[in-house]
Amino acid sequence: MRSGRHAFLDIGSHSARLLVVEVGPHQCWRVVDEERAILRLGDALAREGRLIGEIERAQTVYRSLCQRARHLGVRESEAVGTAALRASRDGAAFAAQLARTAGVPLTILGGEEEAGLGFVGAVGTLPVSSGNLCDLGGASTEVSQFHGRALQVATSAPVGAVTLHQQFLRDDSPTAAQAAVALSYVRQVLQATVPRPEPGLPLVALGGSFRSIAKLHQTAERYPFASLHNYRMPPDAIELLWRRLGLLTLRERLKVPGLAAHRAELVPSALVIASAIVDHLRPSEIVISGAGLREGLLYRQLYGHDLPRVDDLLEQSCRNLLFQLAEVVDEDQSALTGDLLLALSPLLGQADALRIGRAAASLRGIGRRINFYDRHRHTFSIILGARLFGLSHREQVLLAAAAAYEGPRLMREALVPYLDILLRGDIVLAQRLGLAVAYAEGLARSAPGQRAAIAADITPALITLGIAGIAPPAQLPFGELDRLAGQFAKVFGRKLVTRYN
């Protein structure tokens, strides 16, 4: 895929979406812009079986999104249409008219191709190896099964939140009887189109409807981490949410915390479909993806048919973040940090500690892009808000804390809002990772451009670091290395001694 700016447009049954990305070296990419317009083509499809009555509004939206991409300097655009265009009697003619309007071809995806692209976009950004995937759209629901990060089965069921709403749940306040009929209908459609998989696997869920459901659950649980991507819910959360708001009036739903106004009308039908999906697939948990079809289009161009390995997700997304902030990785500092973390690994305990620590080293200074003198606080905020793949929310909090380390007390204060998603011992782990990363940074700054090697001898009372390849740093009054060395006794429970050879 060529470097430069690229646009991906998705003309869906509920909304039209634009994603503009800039691709840089080493397959790095950053989001330049994203736009959404509510079209509700699924309404027209359910009412009339065709879309021509919506052509004027759709042309306005499509032209506007394409113009936006051109204004941003996009070199190449790829536009696709999904279930509403696929199922409509005049879908091909409708797509051709849109293409003529804006000069950008619009391809109508088949159901299996749509499912495959959703799989690539979602699983390509999540640390899951095997399971099922569901893309709950406006006029269709794609369900895929994957194993070893390879797609096994892709199916498309002709039922979505918009079309189910039009067929069964149009009243402002659906009744229990209407909901029961709708649920029975969805179950029949799934049984006819989606093979029953092995139960007990995770369900990766994507699409605006599932993200709305997840936001409702986060709000109800007072979940402290803002991201929906890789948010994990128990399967029974769907039934609990239905009991709480499935039969409310539209006016009542509009007042529910966490529910966007444009989703309030469709949330009962989305919950009915989600409930049927959970019954059919019997998953161990629901894993929400913030990426989907448009990211799938991007990843297909970046990687072809080979998804990034789980082990590569974090490193690649760290590079994406550095590219976004016009930063580069200090390779010498990263190598030194890796050596120090490895030497201290008996005191870190968890298997993923080295991976998180290395990522923290690569992102250690990004906050200076906002304010050098308050860089640690900004580093913490940037990493918490970043789209970093391959991490749980808990691990992302640990990474942010380690990269932003200033001292053990300040870190403990910063982590207080996230205690509900941290495990026992995580604050100590974050302090140890952060101190190691900060100390390695200090060593690298004391000998710029030089490569050092580190070994450690650890006893109950001492950590003795043997540092080879660089000269002992100059003894500066109140120097950073001395300040950090003094924190080892508190953070690691052992005094630090350094020997240069």
Protein backbone atom coordinates (compact mmCIF):
# COMPACT_ATOMS: atom_id res chain seq x y z
CA MET A 1 0.00 0.00 0.00
CA ARG A 2 1.43 3.36 -1.02
CA SER A 3 2.30 5.97 1.57
CA GLY A 4 -0.07 8.92 1.68
CA ARG A 5 -3.70 9.53 2.51
CA HIS A 6 -6.44 7.00 1.74
CA ALA A 7 -10.20 7.09 2.29
CA PHE A 8 -12.60 4.24 3.01
CA LEU A 9 -16.37 4.77 2.74
CA ASP A 10 -19.04 2.42 4.02
CA ILE A 11 -22.62 3.03 2.85
CA GLY A 12 -24.50 0.97 5.41
CA SER A 13 -28.13 0.29 6.15
CA HIS A 14 -28.23 2.72 9.06
CA SER A 15 -25.47 5.22 8.33
CA ALA A 16 -22.76 6.25 5.90
CA ARG A 17 -19.25 6.44 7.30
CA LEU A 18 -15.95 7.86 6.11
CA LEU A 19 -12.50 6.93 7.43
CA VAL A 20 -9.45 8.88 6.23
CA VAL A 21 -6.04 7.51 7.19
CA GLU A 22 -2.47 8.47 6.44
CA VAL A 23 -0.09 5.59 5.79
CA GLY A 24 3.59 6.04 6.57
CA PRO A 25 6.76 3.94 6.73
CA HIS A 26 6.74 0.37 8.05
CA GLN A 27 2.94 0.07 7.59
CA CYS A 28 2.31 2.73 10.25
CA TRP A 29 -0.99 4.56 9.93
CA ARG A 30 -2.96 7.24 11.70
CA VAL A 31 -6.55 8.40 11.52
CA VAL A 32 -6.81 11.82 9.89
CA ASP A 33 -10.58 12.17 9.97
CA GLU A 34 -13.76 10.23 10.49
CA GLU A 35 -17.29 11.24 9.58
CA ARG A 36 -20.76 9.73 9.91
CA ALA A 37 -24.18 10.60 8.51
CA ILE A 38 -27.42 8.81 9.40
CA LEU A 39 -29.11 7.52 6.22
CA ARG A 40 -31.52 4.81 7.45
CA LEU A 41 -31.62 3.08 4.05
CA GLY A 42 -32.82 0.02 5.94
CA ASP A 43 -36.09 1.84 6.68
CA ALA A 44 -36.78 2.35 2.99
CA LEU A 45 -35.82 -1.24 2.25
CA ALA A 46 -38.20 -2.59 4.90
CA ARG A 47 -41.06 -0.33 3.75
CA GLU A 48 -40.77 -0.56 -0.02
CA GLY A 49 -38.15 -3.14 -0.94
CA ARG A 50 -36.20 -0.52 -2.89
CA LEU A 51 -34.12 2.60 -2.25
CA ILE A 52 -34.82 5.06 -5.05
CA GLY A 53 -36.92 7.30 -2.81
CA GLU A 54 -33.78 8.02 -0.75
CA ILE A 55 -31.51 8.81 -3.70
CA GLU A 56 -31.43 12.59 -3.33
CA ARG A 57 -30.45 12.53 0.33
CA ALA A 58 -27.96 9.71 -0.26
CA GLN A 59 -26.36 11.61 -3.15
CA THR A 60 -25.92 14.66 -0.94
CA VAL A 61 -24.27 12.58 1.78
CA TYR A 62 -22.05 10.59 -0.61
CA ARG A 63 -20.93 13.70 -2.48
CA SER A 64 -20.17 15.48 0.78
CA LEU A 65 -18.07 12.61 2.17
CA CYS A 66 -16.10 12.26 -1.07
CA GLN A 67 -15.48 16.00 -1.20
CA ARG A 68 -14.29 15.88 2.40
CA ALA A 69 -11.77 13.17 1.51
CA ARG A 70 -10.46 15.15 -1.48
CA HIS A 71 -10.13 18.29 0.64
CA LEU A 72 -7.94 16.31 3.05
CA GLY A 73 -5.56 15.34 0.25
CA VAL A 74 -6.69 11.74 -0.23
CA ARG A 75 -4.92 9.96 -3.06
CA GLU A 76 -7.14 6.90 -3.29
CA SER A 77 -10.68 6.13 -2.12
CA GLU A 78 -12.45 2.81 -1.73
CA ALA A 79 -16.22 2.82 -1.22
CA VAL A 80 -18.48 -0.14 -0.48
CA GLY A 81 -22.17 -0.68 0.12
CA THR A 82 -23.59 -3.36 2.38
CA ALA A 83 -26.86 -5.12 3.15
CA ALA A 84 -29.43 -2.50 2.13
CA LEU A 85 -27.91 -2.11 -1.33
CA ARG A 86 -27.34 -5.84 -1.58
CA ALA A 87 -30.97 -6.72 -0.78
CA SER A 88 -32.72 -3.92 -2.65
CA ARG A 89 -34.31 -4.51 -6.05
CA ASP A 90 -32.65 -1.33 -7.32
CA GLY A 91 -29.42 -1.58 -5.32
CA ALA A 92 -27.09 -1.76 -8.33
CA ALA A 93 -28.73 1.24 -10.04
CA PHE A 94 -28.71 3.15 -6.74
CA ALA A 95 -24.97 2.51 -6.30
CA ALA A 96 -24.26 3.56 -9.89
CA GLN A 97 -26.08 6.87 -9.37
CA LEU A 98 -24.08 7.58 -6.22
CA ALA A 99 -20.84 6.81 -8.05
CA ARG A 100 -21.73 9.20 -10.89
CA THR A 101 -22.60 11.90 -8.36
CA ALA A 102 -19.15 11.96 -6.76
CA GLY A 103 -16.85 10.29 -9.27
CA VAL A 104 -15.94 7.55 -6.79
CA PRO A 105 -16.96 3.95 -7.67
CA LEU A 106 -19.16 2.18 -5.13
CA THR A 107 -18.89 -1.61 -4.86
CA ILE A 108 -21.73 -3.65 -3.33
CA LEU A 109 -20.27 -6.33 -1.07
CA GLY A 110 -21.64 -9.84 -0.88
CA GLY A 111 -22.64 -11.08 2.55
CA GLU A 112 -19.64 -13.38 2.99
CA GLU A 113 -17.21 -10.70 1.78
CA GLU A 114 -18.71 -8.20 4.23
CA ALA A 115 -18.34 -10.74 7.04
CA GLY A 116 -14.74 -11.41 6.03
CA LEU A 117 -13.80 -7.74 6.03
CA GLY A 118 -15.43 -7.23 9.42
CA PHE A 119 -13.39 -10.16 10.68
CA VAL A 120 -10.14 -8.67 9.35
CA GLY A 121 -10.84 -5.25 10.89
CA ALA A 122 -11.94 -6.56 14.29
CA VAL A 123 -9.70 -9.57 14.91
CA GLY A 124 -6.78 -7.71 13.31
CA THR A 125 -6.93 -5.27 16.25
CA LEU A 126 -7.73 -7.62 19.16
CA PRO A 127 -5.66 -10.17 21.11
CA VAL A 128 -8.00 -13.10 20.39
CA SER A 129 -7.03 -16.28 18.58
CA SER A 130 -10.23 -18.31 18.24
CA GLY A 131 -13.92 -17.60 18.63
CA ASN A 132 -16.95 -16.19 16.85
CA LEU A 133 -17.59 -12.74 15.47
CA CYS A 134 -20.87 -10.88 15.03
CA ASP A 135 -21.36 -7.63 13.11
CA LEU A 136 -24.85 -6.40 13.99
CA GLY A 137 -25.85 -3.99 11.22
CA GLY A 138 -28.95 -2.18 10.10
CA ALA A 139 -30.26 -4.72 7.58
CA SER A 140 -28.07 -7.77 8.11
CA THR A 141 -26.07 -9.55 10.78
CA GLU A 142 -22.77 -11.12 9.77
CA VAL A 143 -21.51 -14.06 11.85
CA SER A 144 -18.07 -15.60 11.42
CA GLN A 145 -16.14 -18.38 13.07
CA PHE A 146 -12.33 -18.21 13.32
CA HIS A 147 -9.54 -20.37 14.69
CA GLY A 148 -5.88 -19.48 15.10
CA ARG A 149 -6.71 -15.99 13.76
CA ALA A 150 -7.82 -17.56 10.48
CA LEU A 151 -11.37 -17.23 9.18
CA GLN A 152 -13.16 -20.60 9.00
CA VAL A 153 -16.82 -19.80 8.22
CA ALA A 154 -18.47 -16.51 7.19
CA THR A 155 -22.24 -16.14 6.99
CA SER A 156 -24.71 -13.29 6.62
CA ALA A 157 -28.19 -13.40 8.16
CA PRO A 158 -30.78 -11.10 6.50
CA VAL A 159 -31.91 -9.36 9.68
CA GLY A 160 -30.65 -6.15 11.26
CA ALA A 161 -31.60 -3.57 13.86
CA VAL A 162 -33.32 -1.24 11.37
CA THR A 163 -35.28 -3.89 9.48
CA LEU A 164 -36.33 -5.71 12.66
CA HIS A 165 -37.53 -2.41 14.10
CA GLN A 166 -39.61 -1.74 10.99
CA GLN A 167 -41.11 -5.23 10.93
CA PHE A 168 -41.89 -5.86 14.59
CA LEU A 169 -41.00 -3.05 17.01
CA ARG A 170 -42.12 0.22 15.41
CA ASP A 171 -44.22 1.36 18.37
CA ASP A 172 -42.63 3.91 20.69
CA SER A 173 -43.07 1.39 23.49
CA PRO A 174 -42.81 -2.22 22.24
CA THR A 175 -44.85 -4.78 24.14
CA ALA A 176 -43.56 -8.02 25.58
CA ALA A 177 -45.65 -9.91 23.01
CA GLN A 178 -44.09 -7.96 20.12
CA ALA A 179 -40.62 -8.58 21.49
CA ALA A 180 -41.33 -12.32 21.83
CA VAL A 181 -42.46 -12.53 18.20
CA ALA A 182 -39.39 -10.59 17.05
CA LEU A 183 -37.06 -12.83 19.09
CA SER A 184 -38.65 -15.97 17.66
CA TYR A 185 -38.21 -14.60 14.14
CA VAL A 186 -34.51 -13.79 14.66
CA ARG A 187 -33.86 -17.23 16.13
CA GLN A 188 -35.41 -18.86 13.07
CA VAL A 189 -33.25 -16.74 10.73
CA LEU A 190 -30.09 -17.62 12.66
CA GLN A 191 -30.91 -21.32 12.74
CA ALA A 192 -31.38 -21.27 8.96
CA THR A 193 -28.19 -19.34 8.14
CA VAL A 194 -25.59 -19.63 10.94
CA PRO A 195 -24.05 -23.02 11.86
CA ARG A 196 -23.94 -23.70 15.60
CA PRO A 197 -20.31 -23.50 16.73
CA GLU A 198 -18.56 -25.03 19.69
CA PRO A 199 -19.96 -23.24 22.79
CA GLY A 200 -17.81 -21.43 25.32
CA LEU A 201 -15.70 -19.39 22.89
CA PRO A 202 -15.44 -15.59 23.04
CA LEU A 203 -17.81 -13.57 20.86
CA VAL A 204 -16.19 -10.57 19.17
CA ALA A 205 -19.00 -8.04 18.65
CA LEU A 206 -18.86 -5.06 16.32
CA GLY A 207 -21.13 -2.49 14.76
CA GLY A 208 -22.82 0.60 16.15
CA SER A 209 -25.60 -1.36 17.82
CA PHE A 210 -23.21 -3.52 19.85
CA ARG A 211 -21.12 -0.49 20.76
CA SER A 212 -24.27 1.22 22.06
CA ILE A 213 -25.09 -1.84 24.15
CA ALA A 214 -21.53 -1.87 25.54
CA LYS A 215 -21.70 1.83 26.40
CA LEU A 216 -24.92 1.22 28.32
CA HIS A 217 -23.23 -1.59 30.25
CA GLN A 218 -20.14 0.51 30.99
CA THR A 219 -22.33 3.33 32.30
CA ALA A 220 -24.41 1.00 34.46
CA GLU A 221 -21.24 -0.60 35.87
CA ARG A 222 -19.53 2.79 36.39
CA TYR A 223 -16.60 1.42 34.46
CA PRO A 224 -13.62 3.77 34.85
CA PHE A 225 -11.94 3.28 31.45
CA ALA A 226 -13.47 5.21 28.56
CA SER A 227 -12.58 2.97 25.61
CA LEU A 228 -15.11 0.55 24.11
CA HIS A 229 -12.53 -1.36 22.06
CA ASN A 230 -11.67 -4.64 23.83
CA TYR A 231 -14.33 -3.99 26.49
CA ARG A 232 -15.51 -7.33 27.87
CA MET A 233 -19.06 -8.11 29.01
CA PRO A 234 -20.62 -11.27 30.43
CA PRO A 235 -23.21 -12.83 28.08
CA ASP A 236 -26.04 -12.30 30.59
CA ALA A 237 -25.50 -8.52 30.33
CA ILE A 238 -27.74 -8.54 27.25
CA GLU A 239 -30.70 -10.00 29.14
CA LEU A 240 -30.16 -7.62 32.06
CA LEU A 241 -30.13 -4.60 29.74
CA TRP A 242 -33.30 -5.80 28.03
CA ARG A 243 -35.09 -6.07 31.37
CA ARG A 244 -33.98 -2.58 32.25
CA LEU A 245 -34.90 -0.69 29.09
CA GLY A 246 -36.27 -2.97 26.36
CA LEU A 247 -39.92 -2.04 27.02
CA LEU A 248 -39.42 1.62 27.92
CA THR A 249 -41.03 4.30 25.80
CA LEU A 250 -38.83 6.18 23.34
CA ARG A 251 -39.03 9.29 25.53
CA GLU A 252 -37.85 7.25 28.52
CA ARG A 253 -35.02 5.69 26.51
CA LEU A 254 -33.80 9.12 25.47
CA LYS A 255 -33.12 9.85 29.16
CA VAL A 256 -31.09 6.69 29.79
CA PRO A 257 -27.45 7.57 30.68
CA GLY A 258 -24.98 6.25 28.13
CA LEU A 259 -27.47 5.89 25.26
CA ALA A 260 -26.90 8.17 22.26
CA ALA A 261 -30.05 9.87 20.97
CA HIS A 262 -29.71 8.47 17.44
CA ARG A 263 -29.60 4.92 18.88
CA ALA A 264 -32.53 5.25 21.28
CA GLU A 265 -35.14 4.22 18.72
CA LEU A 266 -33.28 1.10 17.62
CA VAL A 267 -31.92 -0.21 20.92
CA PRO A 268 -34.87 -2.61 21.58
CA SER A 269 -34.38 -4.33 18.21
CA ALA A 270 -30.61 -4.40 18.72
CA LEU A 271 -31.04 -6.07 22.11
CA VAL A 272 -33.44 -8.64 20.64
CA ILE A 273 -30.92 -9.61 17.96
CA ALA A 274 -28.04 -9.62 20.47
CA SER A 275 -30.06 -11.87 22.77
CA ALA A 276 -30.74 -14.32 19.95
CA ILE A 277 -27.05 -14.29 18.98
CA VAL A 278 -26.01 -15.10 22.56
CA ASP A 279 -28.57 -17.92 22.72
CA HIS A 280 -27.35 -19.32 19.41
CA LEU A 281 -23.58 -19.07 19.98
CA ARG A 282 -23.44 -19.55 23.79
CA PRO A 283 -20.19 -17.54 24.19
CA SER A 284 -17.92 -17.36 27.23
CA GLU A 285 -17.80 -13.56 27.03
CA ILE A 286 -18.56 -10.70 24.66
CA VAL A 287 -15.53 -8.73 23.42
CA ILE A 288 -16.42 -5.37 21.87
CA SER A 289 -14.49 -4.17 18.83
CA GLY A 290 -14.28 -0.51 17.89
CA ALA A 291 -12.88 -1.51 14.50
CA GLY A 292 -14.77 -3.22 11.71
CA LEU A 293 -15.52 -3.02 8.02
CA ARG A 294 -13.60 0.16 7.16
CA GLU A 295 -10.54 -0.99 9.12
CA GLY A 296 -10.92 -4.30 7.29
CA LEU A 297 -10.66 -2.47 3.97
CA LEU A 298 -7.52 -0.73 5.25
CA TYR A 299 -5.97 -3.93 6.60
CA ARG A 300 -6.71 -5.81 3.38
CA GLN A 301 -4.58 -3.27 1.55
CA LEU A 302 -1.87 -3.18 4.24
CA TYR A 303 -1.52 -6.87 4.99
CA GLY A 304 -3.40 -8.82 2.35
CA HIS A 305 -4.79 -12.00 3.87
CA ASP A 306 -2.27 -12.27 6.72
CA LEU A 307 -3.49 -10.65 9.94
CA PRO A 308 -0.93 -9.18 12.33
CA ARG A 309 0.14 -11.71 14.95
CA VAL A 310 -1.14 -11.16 18.49
CA ASP A 311 2.44 -10.63 19.64
CA ASP A 312 2.90 -7.81 17.10
CA LEU A 313 -0.27 -5.83 17.84
CA LEU A 314 1.11 -3.71 20.66
CA GLU A 315 4.41 -2.88 18.96
CA GLN A 316 2.67 -1.90 15.72
CA SER A 317 0.08 0.27 17.44
CA CYS A 318 2.80 1.98 19.52
CA ARG A 319 4.53 2.83 16.25
CA ASN A 320 1.22 4.11 14.90
CA LEU A 321 0.90 6.42 17.92
CA LEU A 322 4.46 7.67 17.52
CA PHE A 323 3.80 8.28 13.82
CA GLN A 324 0.64 10.19 14.72
CA LEU A 325 2.62 12.43 17.06
CA ALA A 326 5.59 12.77 14.67
CA GLU A 327 7.86 10.99 17.16
CA VAL A 328 10.51 8.35 16.52
CA VAL A 329 11.63 5.47 18.71
CA ASP A 330 15.02 5.90 20.37
CA GLU A 331 16.34 2.45 19.51
CA ASP A 332 19.33 2.69 21.88
CA GLN A 333 17.08 3.59 24.79
CA SER A 334 14.62 0.83 23.89
CA ALA A 335 17.41 -1.76 23.78
CA LEU A 336 18.79 -0.57 27.12
CA THR A 337 15.32 -0.70 28.69
CA GLY A 338 14.78 -4.21 27.37
CA ASP A 339 18.05 -5.34 28.93
CA LEU A 340 17.21 -3.74 32.28
CA LEU A 341 13.70 -5.20 32.35
CA LEU A 342 15.05 -8.64 31.52
CA ALA A 343 17.67 -8.34 34.27
CA LEU A 344 14.97 -7.33 36.77
CA SER A 345 12.39 -9.85 35.53
CA PRO A 346 12.61 -12.06 38.68
CA LEU A 347 11.14 -9.07 40.57
CA LEU A 348 8.43 -8.28 38.00
CA GLY A 349 6.58 -11.56 38.26
CA GLN A 350 3.98 -11.43 35.49
CA ALA A 351 4.59 -12.89 32.06
CA ASP A 352 3.34 -9.78 30.25
CA ALA A 353 5.42 -7.38 32.30
CA LEU A 354 8.31 -7.29 29.81
CA ARG A 355 5.96 -6.61 26.91
CA ILE A 356 4.26 -3.72 28.74
CA GLY A 357 7.60 -2.34 29.93
CA ARG A 358 9.10 -2.32 26.45
CA ALA A 359 6.03 -0.51 25.11
CA ALA A 360 6.32 2.01 27.96
CA ALA A 361 9.93 2.67 26.95
CA SER A 362 8.94 3.44 23.35
CA LEU A 363 6.20 5.85 24.50
CA ARG A 364 8.05 7.37 27.47
CA GLY A 365 8.38 10.91 26.09
CA ILE A 366 5.28 11.45 23.97
CA GLY A 367 3.71 13.94 26.39
CA ARG A 368 6.35 16.51 25.49
CA ARG A 369 4.44 17.11 22.24
CA ILE A 370 1.92 19.00 24.37
CA ASN A 371 4.13 20.49 27.10
CA PHE A 372 7.67 19.42 27.87
CA TYR A 373 7.52 20.63 31.47
CA ASP A 374 4.35 18.66 32.22
CA ARG A 375 5.18 15.78 29.88
CA HIS A 376 4.61 12.94 32.34
CA ARG A 377 1.00 13.89 33.07
CA HIS A 378 0.32 14.36 29.35
CA THR A 379 2.00 11.03 28.56
CA PHE A 380 -0.37 9.31 30.98
CA SER A 381 -3.42 10.96 29.40
CA ILE A 382 -2.31 10.33 25.81
CA ILE A 383 -1.72 6.62 26.37
CA LEU A 384 -5.00 6.18 28.23
CA GLY A 385 -6.84 7.80 25.33
CA ALA A 386 -4.86 6.12 22.54
CA ARG A 387 -6.03 3.25 20.35
CA LEU A 388 -3.47 0.66 21.37
CA PHE A 389 -4.18 -2.87 20.22
CA GLY A 390 -3.15 -6.10 21.90
CA LEU A 391 -3.84 -4.84 25.44
CA SER A 392 -6.64 -5.29 27.92
CA HIS A 393 -7.92 -2.10 29.51
CA ARG A 394 -6.10 -3.03 32.71
CA GLU A 395 -2.84 -3.47 30.80
CA GLN A 396 -3.30 -0.13 29.05
CA VAL A 397 -3.62 1.59 32.42
CA LEU A 398 -0.43 -0.14 33.59
CA LEU A 399 1.35 0.91 30.39
CA ALA A 400 0.25 4.54 30.80
CA ALA A 401 1.42 4.61 34.41
CA ALA A 402 4.77 3.00 33.64
CA ALA A 403 5.50 5.33 30.72
CA ALA A 404 4.56 8.40 32.78
CA TYR A 405 6.54 7.45 35.89
CA GLU A 406 7.79 10.35 38.05
CA GLY A 407 7.77 8.69 41.43
CA PRO A 408 5.91 6.00 43.41
CA ARG A 409 3.61 8.36 45.29
CA LEU A 410 2.49 10.30 42.20
CA MET A 411 1.84 7.05 40.37
CA ARG A 412 -0.31 5.67 43.18
CA GLU A 413 -2.41 8.86 43.12
CA ALA A 414 -2.82 8.65 39.33
CA LEU A 415 -4.04 5.04 39.53
CA VAL A 416 -6.71 5.56 42.20
CA PRO A 417 -9.57 6.12 39.68
CA TYR A 418 -8.78 2.76 38.05
CA LEU A 419 -8.56 0.52 41.10
CA ASP A 420 -11.74 -1.34 40.10
CA ILE A 421 -10.09 -2.79 36.98
CA LEU A 422 -6.63 -3.36 38.48
CA LEU A 423 -5.53 -6.54 40.22
CA ARG A 424 -3.91 -6.92 43.60
CA GLY A 425 -0.24 -6.08 43.23
CA ASP A 426 -0.71 -4.03 40.03
CA ILE A 427 0.32 -0.73 41.62
CA VAL A 428 3.62 -2.24 42.74
CA LEU A 429 4.09 -3.83 39.31
CA ALA A 430 3.45 -0.49 37.58
CA GLN A 431 5.86 1.28 39.95
CA ARG A 432 8.59 -1.28 39.25
CA LEU A 433 8.08 -1.12 35.49
CA GLY A 434 7.97 2.66 35.56
CA LEU A 435 11.09 3.02 37.68
CA ALA A 436 13.00 0.61 35.43
CA VAL A 437 11.90 2.50 32.30
CA ALA A 438 12.78 5.87 33.84
CA TYR A 439 16.18 4.63 35.06
CA ALA A 440 17.03 3.20 31.62
CA GLU A 441 16.05 6.54 30.08
CA GLY A 442 18.41 8.29 32.49
CA LEU A 443 21.26 5.96 31.56
CA ALA A 444 20.64 6.51 27.85
CA ARG A 445 20.57 10.29 28.31
CA SER A 446 23.86 10.13 30.20
CA ALA A 447 25.59 8.40 27.26
CA PRO A 448 23.78 9.46 24.06
CA GLY A 449 24.43 7.34 21.00
CA GLN A 450 26.14 4.54 22.94
CA ARG A 451 24.87 0.99 23.32
CA ALA A 452 25.13 -0.56 26.78
CA ALA A 453 24.49 -4.04 28.12
CA ILE A 454 23.05 -4.68 31.58
CA ALA A 455 23.10 -7.63 33.95
CA ALA A 456 21.78 -7.81 37.50
CA ASP A 457 22.71 -9.68 40.63
CA ILE A 458 19.68 -9.72 42.95
CA THR A 459 19.83 -10.56 46.65
CA PRO A 460 17.23 -9.97 49.40
CA ALA A 461 18.95 -6.67 50.26
CA LEU A 462 20.64 -5.47 47.05
CA ILE A 463 20.20 -5.09 43.31
CA THR A 464 23.66 -4.85 41.79
CA LEU A 465 23.60 -3.68 38.18
CA GLY A 466 26.59 -4.43 35.99
CA ILE A 467 26.63 -1.94 33.10
CA ALA A 468 28.99 -2.54 30.18
CA GLY A 469 29.65 -0.45 27.11
CA ILE A 470 29.25 3.07 28.50
CA ALA A 471 31.37 5.20 30.80
CA PRO A 472 30.12 6.08 34.29
CA PRO A 473 27.97 9.23 34.06
CA ALA A 474 29.23 12.51 35.43
CA GLN A 475 28.37 13.07 39.08
CA LEU A 476 25.86 15.91 38.99
CA PRO A 477 24.37 17.48 42.15
CA PHE A 478 20.78 16.30 42.50
CA GLY A 479 21.14 14.35 39.24
CA GLU A 480 18.20 12.39 37.80
CA LEU A 481 19.96 9.03 38.05
CA ASP A 482 20.74 9.57 41.72
CA ARG A 483 17.13 10.60 42.38
CA LEU A 484 15.80 7.46 40.70
CA ALA A 485 18.42 5.21 42.31
CA GLY A 486 17.18 6.38 45.68
CA GLN A 487 13.69 5.08 44.88
CA PHE A 488 14.77 1.44 44.34
CA ALA A 489 14.70 0.68 48.07
CA LYS A 490 11.06 1.76 48.32
CA VAL A 491 9.82 0.31 45.01
CA PHE A 492 11.83 -2.92 44.81
CA GLY A 493 12.56 -3.36 48.53
CA ARG A 494 16.28 -3.46 47.76
CA LYS A 495 19.05 -0.87 47.57
CA LEU A 496 20.54 -0.23 44.12
CA VAL A 497 24.27 -0.50 43.48
CA THR A 498 25.71 0.14 40.00
CA ARG A 499 29.06 -1.06 38.66
CA TYR A 500 30.43 0.08 35.28
CA ASN A 501 32.84 -2.15 33.43
